[in-house]
Each structure stands twice: as structure tokens, then as C-alpha cells.
Amino acid sequence: MNILLSPDSFKGTLTSSEVCDIIESALRNRIPDCNVIKLPAADGGEGLCSSFANFIDGEWISAESKDPFNSPMRAEYYMLENGVAVIETASCAGLPLAGDRADPTVTTTAGVGMLMRDAEQRGAKRIILGLGGSATNDCGAGMASELGFVFLDKNGNAFVPVGGTLADIEHIISPKEPFGVPVTAACDVTNPLFGADGAAYVFAPQKGANAEQVRALDFGLRHMSKILKRELGFDSDNLPGAGAAGGLGAGAAAFLNARLKSGIDIVLDESGFDELAKSADVIVTGEGRFDSQSIRGKVMSGVCKRAAKSGAAVYAVCGCASSDADPAELGIKKLFVSSDGTRTMDELLISCRRELYAAATALAQELLKCD
């Protein structure tokens, strides 16, 4: 029996690679002669670099960067052996780095620009930029500033905009030499830049913004949209994902001519998932919590869409499951859960490995019945 494992991480408890290892161990214990191929997955957020490192040789690069508050730090990205640099926004502008100081009116993506410049100087042929998990709402202005763009206020003074000062931008001066590396932005939301479904109203509250700040941030993004159109000829209005990472989706497209693409599709394309799936009898995916979001463009959805083309039977192993989502919508034959979703994170950290092993053992027993 050929089994292909391609789960997401179980957020806060297990990486996607650890999930693969635990499921494999349980399967081999019950089905000793099974052939297991592990392809840990990720979307555009935290874990994107590690996912690539699991299936493509390369080198971890430590480089100078800046944290969400513009203070110096070092951050890592992954350079594939074929010259593709994989950079996570979360590595230097991520919400965990902001901690209890989280405030999207003052945070910056400057560190992202520094990592991209470092990759360019090291000879990167292409950059995959993961947009997930940011603490920012600056529309990529901090990133752009590090890559040579100059922002002027109404008095002609240069400054580096943050979320709370986007409305002060009057002019943008582009660098004489454009950024020299093609960029693909891994984006797993389709939100517009501004408005009720935009970056500020949907995501800024999760980043520490109160209601008044959300309104101000949205105003700044509306202004930024007009400035990008007037100064750079870039129209963000019809760009799905423009609101990703506090508008970094729009910023990457406007400043770097980046192409926005589903993060899970990027991972599956680069890993050769479709070819591996052709020889699989069973494909197993999963994530920490299966809910309505799982149906709409997250890792499990992406894996299941590809798996459907292969003809393999698809199963899922998840930490817990919500009643608002039906796994059958994704073509999942059966879903196994390792907990009831009521425990604290501290409790899960103690029991998650044992419980995931038990759920994977139940999967193995199901496969034996169907074989």
C-alpha cells in the first residue's frame, strides 16, 4: 500500500514534519509493509520555509533584518539549491515578535525588504515570499523603503510610512534600478485592500487594533490605493489577496510586480505532489482544527483538490473538528480527530503526540479493513 502524507502543522503544538513522523510511525506499526512518502505541507504563513526544507535541499541563511518595531534583529530564510529563496514575512514582521506590544498602526515590514535584498545580493534567481502571520498594516511600505522607494509627505519630506501614517503619503519616488529578482507571493486569503472585507477590518483587530484604529487604518489603505494608482499606475481594486498581511499583498504586487499565488499550490507545485500522488493508493492530510476555513483555500483544501485528480482515497487526521464543516465537501473519505477541542494549549502540549498517534492508529485500522 502506497501512502502519501501531506498534512499542515497543528498550530501551537506540532510542526507538519512532526505530524508526518507520528502518523508514519502509527501506520508502520499496524501496516508494516506499507510504503510511506512524507510531504509536510504549509500555506503562506509560518512553516513555509521548513516545508520546503523537508523536500528540497538547500541552505538556511541568517541575515540582518528588523523586527516589527524597526529594531535590528537577525532572521532566517531558506535558499533552495536551485537558487530560489523562500522568505517568510512572519520571520521578522510576525505577530509573535510583537508580543503584548502588538499595534498595527506602528509596525513595519522593513525587515522583509532587508531579507529580500540579502537574497538578491546572494544571487537568488527567484523569491517566494510567504505573506502569512504578519503584525503589520503598512501595505508593504516598510519593505519598499528598504528596496529603494522613497515616500514623501505633502511638504516634500521623506519618511518611512507605517500603518498609522499611510494617509500622509503624497508622492512615491521609485528607485532608478528596479528590484532584480522575480517575486511570487504566497497568499492564502482573497481579501481586498480596504473596506468591510479588507485588511484593516478583518485582520487588524487580531493584531491589536481597537475600533478607532481599525477605521484609521482602513482610511490609510484607501488613501494608499489612490496613491499607488496615481504614482505607480497600479490598480489594487480587483486584486484578490491585496489585503493579505496588512496590505503587503498589494504592496508586493505594486512595488515588485509580484505574482500572488496560493501558498499551498506553490508548495505542492515545487514538491512534485501531483507526480507523487499518481502512485499513491491513499493520501492523508490534516491540520490542527478542521472547520469552515478548511474548506476555503487552506492546506487541506489545496491537498484535497490535487488528490481528487489522482484517484487515491483521501483521509484526514486533525487535532479537532468543528460541526460547521463537512469533510465530504473536500472529498475526504473519513476524518479522524485526536482530541475534542476543549483542552487548553498547555494540556495539548502534554498529550498531543500520544493522541495523534492514537488517531493515526485508528486510521491504520480503517485502511486494513478497506484493503
Protein backbone atom coordinates (compact mmCIF):
# COMPACT_ATOMS: atom_id res chain seq x y z
CA MET A 1 0.00 0.00 0.00
CA ASN A 2 1.46 3.35 -1.08
CA ILE A 3 0.53 6.15 1.33
CA LEU A 4 1.32 9.83 0.73
CA LEU A 5 1.24 12.06 3.83
CA SER A 6 0.74 15.80 3.31
CA PRO A 7 -0.60 17.49 6.46
CA ASP A 8 -0.30 21.05 7.70
CA SER A 9 1.16 21.84 11.11
CA PHE A 10 -1.02 21.57 14.21
CA LYS A 11 -0.69 25.21 15.20
CA GLY A 12 0.94 25.74 18.58
CA THR A 13 1.74 22.08 19.16
CA LEU A 14 3.31 20.17 16.25
CA THR A 15 5.09 21.10 13.04
CA SER A 16 3.92 19.50 9.80
CA SER A 17 7.08 17.40 9.78
CA GLU A 18 6.37 16.13 13.30
CA VAL A 19 2.79 15.32 12.31
CA CYS A 20 4.11 13.29 9.37
CA ASP A 21 6.54 11.37 11.59
CA ILE A 22 3.89 10.46 14.17
CA ILE A 23 1.36 9.33 11.56
CA GLU A 24 4.04 7.31 9.75
CA SER A 25 5.05 5.58 12.98
CA ALA A 26 1.46 4.54 13.72
CA LEU A 27 0.87 3.33 10.16
CA ARG A 28 4.05 1.26 10.06
CA ASN A 29 3.21 -0.32 13.41
CA ARG A 30 -0.11 -1.65 12.07
CA ILE A 31 0.77 -1.98 8.37
CA PRO A 32 4.47 -2.99 8.36
CA ASP A 33 4.72 -3.44 4.60
CA CYS A 34 3.22 -0.06 3.68
CA ASN A 35 5.27 2.41 1.66
CA VAL A 36 5.01 5.89 3.20
CA ILE A 37 6.07 9.09 1.45
CA LYS A 38 6.11 12.23 3.61
CA LEU A 39 5.48 15.65 2.14
CA PRO A 40 4.91 18.10 5.04
CA ALA A 41 2.78 20.97 3.74
CA ALA A 42 2.28 24.65 4.55
CA ASP A 43 0.45 27.65 3.22
CA GLY A 44 1.90 31.15 3.04
CA GLY A 45 2.41 31.51 6.77
CA GLU A 46 4.79 30.26 9.40
CA GLY A 47 6.36 26.95 8.42
CA LEU A 48 6.69 27.70 4.70
CA CYS A 49 10.50 27.59 4.79
CA SER A 50 10.57 24.40 6.84
CA SER A 51 8.15 22.77 4.45
CA PHE A 52 10.50 23.44 1.54
CA ALA A 53 13.49 22.30 3.59
CA ASN A 54 11.79 18.94 4.08
CA PHE A 55 11.74 18.05 0.40
CA ILE A 56 14.28 20.26 -1.41
CA ASP A 57 17.96 20.52 -0.49
CA GLY A 58 19.22 23.98 0.28
CA GLU A 59 20.78 26.21 2.90
CA TRP A 60 19.40 28.14 5.84
CA ILE A 61 20.57 31.75 5.65
CA SER A 62 20.80 34.02 8.70
CA ALA A 63 20.72 37.69 7.76
CA GLU A 64 20.40 41.14 9.28
CA SER A 65 16.82 42.31 9.46
CA LYS A 66 14.44 44.41 11.55
CA ASP A 67 11.64 43.37 13.86
CA PRO A 68 8.08 44.75 13.65
CA PHE A 69 9.16 47.83 15.62
CA ASN A 70 12.11 48.60 13.34
CA SER A 71 14.74 47.36 15.80
CA PRO A 72 17.71 45.35 14.49
CA MET A 73 17.43 41.56 14.61
CA ARG A 74 18.60 38.53 12.69
CA ALA A 75 16.16 36.37 10.78
CA GLU A 76 16.43 33.21 8.71
CA TYR A 77 15.24 32.28 5.26
CA TYR A 78 15.81 29.20 3.12
CA MET A 79 17.78 29.21 -0.14
CA LEU A 80 16.97 26.21 -2.32
CA GLU A 81 19.80 24.60 -4.24
CA ASN A 82 18.19 25.83 -7.47
CA GLY A 83 18.56 29.45 -6.39
CA VAL A 84 15.01 30.06 -5.18
CA ALA A 85 14.89 31.95 -1.87
CA VAL A 86 11.93 31.24 0.41
CA ILE A 87 11.24 34.10 2.82
CA GLU A 88 8.54 34.25 5.48
CA THR A 89 7.11 37.64 6.41
CA ALA A 90 6.50 36.15 9.85
CA SER A 91 10.24 35.61 10.39
CA CYS A 92 10.81 39.30 11.03
CA ALA A 93 7.40 41.01 10.93
CA GLY A 94 5.35 38.27 12.58
CA LEU A 95 2.73 38.76 15.26
CA PRO A 96 4.54 36.62 17.87
CA LEU A 97 7.51 39.01 17.62
CA ALA A 98 5.25 41.91 18.58
CA GLY A 99 4.05 40.18 21.73
CA ASP A 100 1.94 42.30 24.08
CA ARG A 101 3.09 45.45 22.24
CA ALA A 102 1.19 44.48 19.09
CA ASP A 103 -0.10 47.61 17.36
CA PRO A 104 -0.56 47.64 13.56
CA THR A 105 -0.53 51.43 13.47
CA VAL A 106 3.22 51.45 14.21
CA THR A 107 4.63 48.11 12.98
CA THR A 108 6.69 47.78 9.80
CA THR A 109 7.64 45.33 7.05
CA ALA A 110 11.10 46.89 6.71
CA GLY A 111 12.74 43.64 7.81
CA VAL A 112 11.11 41.82 4.92
CA GLY A 113 12.75 44.20 2.46
CA MET A 114 16.13 43.63 4.10
CA LEU A 115 15.83 39.86 3.73
CA MET A 116 14.82 40.25 0.09
CA ARG A 117 17.81 42.49 -0.59
CA ASP A 118 20.08 39.96 1.10
CA ALA A 119 18.69 37.19 -1.12
CA GLU A 120 19.24 39.35 -4.21
CA GLN A 121 22.85 40.01 -3.21
CA ARG A 122 23.42 36.28 -2.72
CA GLY A 123 22.33 35.64 -6.28
CA ALA A 124 18.78 34.39 -5.80
CA LYS A 125 17.07 33.64 -9.09
CA ARG A 126 13.55 33.89 -7.68
CA ILE A 127 11.92 34.70 -4.36
CA ILE A 128 8.90 33.02 -2.84
CA LEU A 129 7.55 35.40 -0.20
CA GLY A 130 5.15 33.96 2.37
CA LEU A 131 2.67 36.63 3.42
CA GLY A 132 1.02 34.96 6.41
CA GLY A 133 1.26 35.78 10.09
CA SER A 134 2.21 39.45 9.96
CA ALA A 135 1.86 42.03 12.74
CA THR A 136 1.67 44.84 10.19
CA ASN A 137 -0.74 47.03 8.25
CA ASP A 138 1.70 49.19 6.27
CA CYS A 139 0.81 47.97 2.76
CA GLY A 140 4.43 46.90 2.30
CA ALA A 141 5.73 50.47 2.58
CA GLY A 142 8.46 49.45 5.02
CA MET A 143 9.60 46.70 2.67
CA ALA A 144 9.55 49.10 -0.28
CA SER A 145 11.61 51.68 1.62
CA GLU A 146 14.38 49.12 2.16
CA LEU A 147 14.30 48.35 -1.57
CA GLY A 148 14.83 51.92 -2.69
CA PHE A 149 11.38 53.50 -2.82
CA VAL A 150 11.10 56.95 -1.26
CA PHE A 151 7.87 58.23 0.27
CA LEU A 152 7.22 61.97 0.56
CA ASP A 153 4.62 63.83 2.61
CA LYS A 154 2.78 66.97 1.47
CA ASN A 155 5.76 69.11 2.47
CA GLY A 156 8.19 67.06 0.40
CA ASN A 157 9.79 65.41 3.43
CA ALA A 158 10.91 61.79 3.08
CA PHE A 159 9.67 59.32 5.69
CA VAL A 160 9.08 55.60 6.13
CA PRO A 161 5.33 55.03 6.43
CA VAL A 162 3.71 52.65 8.89
CA GLY A 163 0.05 51.71 9.15
CA GLY A 164 -0.86 54.84 11.04
CA THR A 165 0.86 57.22 8.60
CA LEU A 166 -0.14 55.83 5.19
CA ALA A 167 -2.54 58.75 4.80
CA ASP A 168 0.44 61.15 4.97
CA ILE A 169 1.94 59.85 1.70
CA GLU A 170 1.73 62.39 -1.10
CA HIS A 171 4.31 61.13 -3.58
CA ILE A 172 6.34 57.98 -4.24
CA ILE A 173 9.75 58.06 -5.92
CA SER A 174 10.71 54.74 -7.49
CA PRO A 175 14.33 53.52 -7.40
CA LYS A 176 16.42 54.03 -10.53
CA GLU A 177 17.12 50.31 -10.67
CA PRO A 178 14.11 48.04 -10.07
CA PHE A 179 14.46 45.07 -7.74
CA GLY A 180 16.32 42.44 -9.71
CA VAL A 181 14.64 39.19 -8.62
CA PRO A 182 11.20 37.92 -9.72
CA VAL A 183 8.86 37.52 -6.74
CA THR A 184 5.96 35.15 -6.18
CA ALA A 185 3.91 35.98 -3.10
CA ALA A 186 2.35 33.03 -1.28
CA CYS A 187 -1.08 34.30 -0.35
CA ASP A 188 -3.92 32.29 1.14
CA VAL A 189 -6.62 34.91 1.55
CA THR A 190 -8.56 36.75 -1.14
CA ASN A 191 -9.43 39.87 0.87
CA PRO A 192 -9.31 43.25 -0.89
CA LEU A 193 -7.05 46.03 0.32
CA PHE A 194 -9.71 48.08 2.10
CA GLY A 195 -13.38 48.08 3.02
CA ALA A 196 -15.50 45.79 5.18
CA ASP A 197 -13.62 42.70 3.95
CA GLY A 198 -10.26 44.46 3.72
CA ALA A 199 -7.00 44.21 5.63
CA ALA A 200 -7.90 46.59 8.45
CA TYR A 201 -11.43 45.50 9.30
CA VAL A 202 -10.79 41.76 9.02
CA PHE A 203 -7.25 41.32 10.31
CA ALA A 204 -6.14 44.41 12.28
CA PRO A 205 -8.20 43.53 15.40
CA GLN A 206 -6.21 40.28 15.61
CA LYS A 207 -3.05 42.39 15.57
CA GLY A 208 -4.01 44.61 18.50
CA ALA A 209 -6.04 47.40 16.87
CA ASN A 210 -9.09 48.87 18.58
CA ALA A 211 -12.19 50.03 16.69
CA GLU A 212 -10.95 53.60 16.24
CA GLN A 213 -7.57 52.38 14.97
CA VAL A 214 -9.26 50.00 12.55
CA ARG A 215 -11.17 52.88 10.98
CA ALA A 216 -7.98 54.96 10.72
CA LEU A 217 -6.03 52.06 9.22
CA ASP A 218 -8.73 51.47 6.63
CA PHE A 219 -8.68 55.17 5.73
CA GLY A 220 -4.91 54.92 5.25
CA LEU A 221 -5.26 51.90 2.98
CA ARG A 222 -7.91 53.67 0.89
CA HIS A 223 -5.53 56.60 0.52
CA MET A 224 -2.68 54.24 -0.35
CA SER A 225 -4.78 52.67 -3.07
CA LYS A 226 -5.26 56.08 -4.69
CA ILE A 227 -1.56 56.93 -4.35
CA LEU A 228 -0.46 53.63 -5.89
CA LYS A 229 -2.78 54.22 -8.81
CA ARG A 230 -1.67 57.81 -9.36
CA GLU A 231 2.06 57.43 -8.71
CA LEU A 232 2.78 53.90 -9.96
CA GLY A 233 -0.17 53.20 -12.23
CA PHE A 234 -1.10 50.21 -10.08
CA ASP A 235 -4.77 49.37 -9.52
CA SER A 236 -5.34 47.25 -6.41
CA ASP A 237 -9.13 47.30 -6.65
CA ASN A 238 -9.51 44.00 -8.49
CA LEU A 239 -6.57 42.11 -6.98
CA PRO A 240 -7.66 39.13 -4.85
CA GLY A 241 -5.34 38.96 -1.85
CA ALA A 242 -4.42 42.66 -1.93
CA GLY A 243 -5.33 42.83 1.75
CA ALA A 244 -3.10 39.93 2.78
CA ALA A 245 -0.54 40.67 5.52
CA GLY A 246 -1.87 44.16 6.19
CA GLY A 247 -1.81 45.12 2.52
CA LEU A 248 1.56 43.52 1.78
CA GLY A 249 -0.21 41.59 -0.97
CA ALA A 250 -0.94 44.86 -2.75
CA GLY A 251 2.49 46.24 -1.87
CA ALA A 252 4.38 43.25 -3.25
CA ALA A 253 2.40 43.47 -6.49
CA ALA A 254 2.71 47.26 -6.80
CA PHE A 255 6.35 47.75 -5.81
CA LEU A 256 7.85 44.48 -7.06
CA ASN A 257 5.43 43.32 -9.75
CA ALA A 258 4.97 40.18 -7.65
CA ARG A 259 2.54 37.49 -8.69
CA LEU A 260 0.14 36.42 -5.94
CA LYS A 261 -0.49 32.70 -5.76
CA SER A 262 -1.99 30.29 -3.25
CA GLY A 263 0.70 29.24 -0.79
CA ILE A 264 -0.34 25.60 -0.72
CA ASP A 265 -0.35 25.50 -4.53
CA ILE A 266 3.21 26.83 -4.54
CA VAL A 267 4.32 24.14 -2.08
CA LEU A 268 2.55 21.36 -3.98
CA ASP A 269 3.94 22.54 -7.33
CA GLU A 270 7.52 22.82 -6.09
CA SER A 271 7.40 19.48 -4.27
CA GLY A 272 6.11 17.48 -7.23
CA PHE A 273 2.96 16.47 -5.36
CA ASP A 274 0.96 15.64 -8.49
CA GLU A 275 3.55 13.13 -9.69
CA LEU A 276 3.81 11.51 -6.24
CA ALA A 277 0.01 11.32 -5.99
CA LYS A 278 -0.22 9.28 -9.20
CA SER A 279 1.36 6.27 -7.49
CA ALA A 280 -0.47 6.67 -4.16
CA ASP A 281 -3.25 4.35 -3.05
CA VAL A 282 -4.03 6.59 -0.08
CA ILE A 283 -3.41 10.29 0.56
CA VAL A 284 -3.57 11.58 4.14
CA THR A 285 -3.83 15.27 5.00
CA GLY A 286 -4.77 17.14 8.17
CA GLU A 287 -4.38 20.22 10.36
CA GLY A 288 -4.86 21.29 13.95
CA ARG A 289 -8.51 22.26 13.60
CA PHE A 290 -10.87 21.29 10.80
CA ASP A 291 -13.54 23.97 10.35
CA SER A 292 -15.24 26.09 7.71
CA GLN A 293 -11.94 27.82 6.94
CA SER A 294 -10.50 24.44 5.96
CA ILE A 295 -12.97 24.29 3.08
CA ARG A 296 -11.91 27.68 1.74
CA GLY A 297 -8.37 27.61 0.47
CA LYS A 298 -6.25 26.37 3.36
CA VAL A 299 -3.77 23.48 3.21
CA MET A 300 -6.31 20.68 3.44
CA SER A 301 -8.43 22.18 0.68
CA GLY A 302 -5.41 22.52 -1.61
CA VAL A 303 -4.21 18.97 -0.98
CA CYS A 304 -7.68 17.51 -1.48
CA LYS A 305 -8.23 19.32 -4.77
CA ARG A 306 -4.98 17.88 -6.13
CA ALA A 307 -5.65 14.47 -4.62
CA ALA A 308 -9.02 14.24 -6.38
CA LYS A 309 -7.22 14.13 -9.72
CA SER A 310 -5.16 11.11 -8.68
CA GLY A 311 -7.97 8.71 -7.86
CA ALA A 312 -6.41 7.87 -4.49
CA ALA A 313 -8.59 7.51 -1.40
CA VAL A 314 -8.27 10.62 0.78
CA TYR A 315 -8.31 10.59 4.59
CA ALA A 316 -7.64 13.28 7.18
CA VAL A 317 -6.23 13.30 10.69
CA CYS A 318 -6.88 16.50 12.65
CA GLY A 319 -6.45 17.78 16.17
CA CYS A 320 -10.16 18.57 16.45
CA ALA A 321 -13.13 19.27 14.20
CA SER A 322 -15.92 21.82 14.18
CA SER A 323 -19.50 20.89 13.37
CA ASP A 324 -19.73 23.71 10.81
CA ALA A 325 -17.66 21.85 8.21
CA ASP A 326 -18.28 18.60 6.34
CA PRO A 327 -15.11 16.73 5.28
CA ALA A 328 -17.07 15.17 2.43
CA GLU A 329 -17.06 18.60 0.75
CA LEU A 330 -13.34 18.09 0.21
CA GLY A 331 -13.72 14.50 -0.93
CA ILE A 332 -12.39 13.14 2.35
CA LYS A 333 -13.48 9.55 2.88
CA LYS A 334 -13.14 9.69 6.66
CA LEU A 335 -11.76 12.17 9.19
CA PHE A 336 -10.03 11.13 12.41
CA VAL A 337 -9.59 13.54 15.33
CA SER A 338 -7.16 13.31 18.20
CA SER A 339 -8.99 15.50 20.75
CA ASP A 340 -12.38 17.06 21.47
CA GLY A 341 -11.16 20.65 21.14
CA THR A 342 -11.94 21.61 24.74
CA ARG A 343 -8.48 21.45 26.28
CA THR A 344 -6.05 24.29 26.89
CA MET A 345 -2.88 24.69 24.87
CA ASP A 346 -0.79 23.68 27.89
CA GLU A 347 -2.78 20.44 28.20
CA LEU A 348 -2.46 19.76 24.48
CA LEU A 349 1.30 20.24 24.56
CA ILE A 350 1.49 17.37 27.05
CA SER A 351 -0.85 14.97 25.28
CA CYS A 352 -0.81 15.90 21.57
CA ARG A 353 1.76 13.34 20.41
CA ARG A 354 0.11 10.43 22.17
CA GLU A 355 -3.36 11.42 20.99
CA LEU A 356 -2.26 11.97 17.39
CA TYR A 357 -0.62 8.53 17.42
CA ALA A 358 -3.92 7.03 18.61
CA ALA A 359 -5.88 8.79 15.87
CA ALA A 360 -3.38 7.62 13.25
CA THR A 361 -3.66 4.08 14.62
CA ALA A 362 -7.42 4.28 14.07
CA LEU A 363 -6.69 5.38 10.51
CA ALA A 364 -4.41 2.37 10.02
CA GLN A 365 -7.14 0.03 11.23
CA GLU A 366 -9.58 1.61 8.78
CA LEU A 367 -7.11 1.13 5.93
CA LEU A 368 -6.67 -2.53 6.83
CA LYS A 369 -10.43 -3.04 6.67
CA CYS A 370 -10.59 -1.41 3.24
CA ASP A 371 -7.53 -3.14 1.80
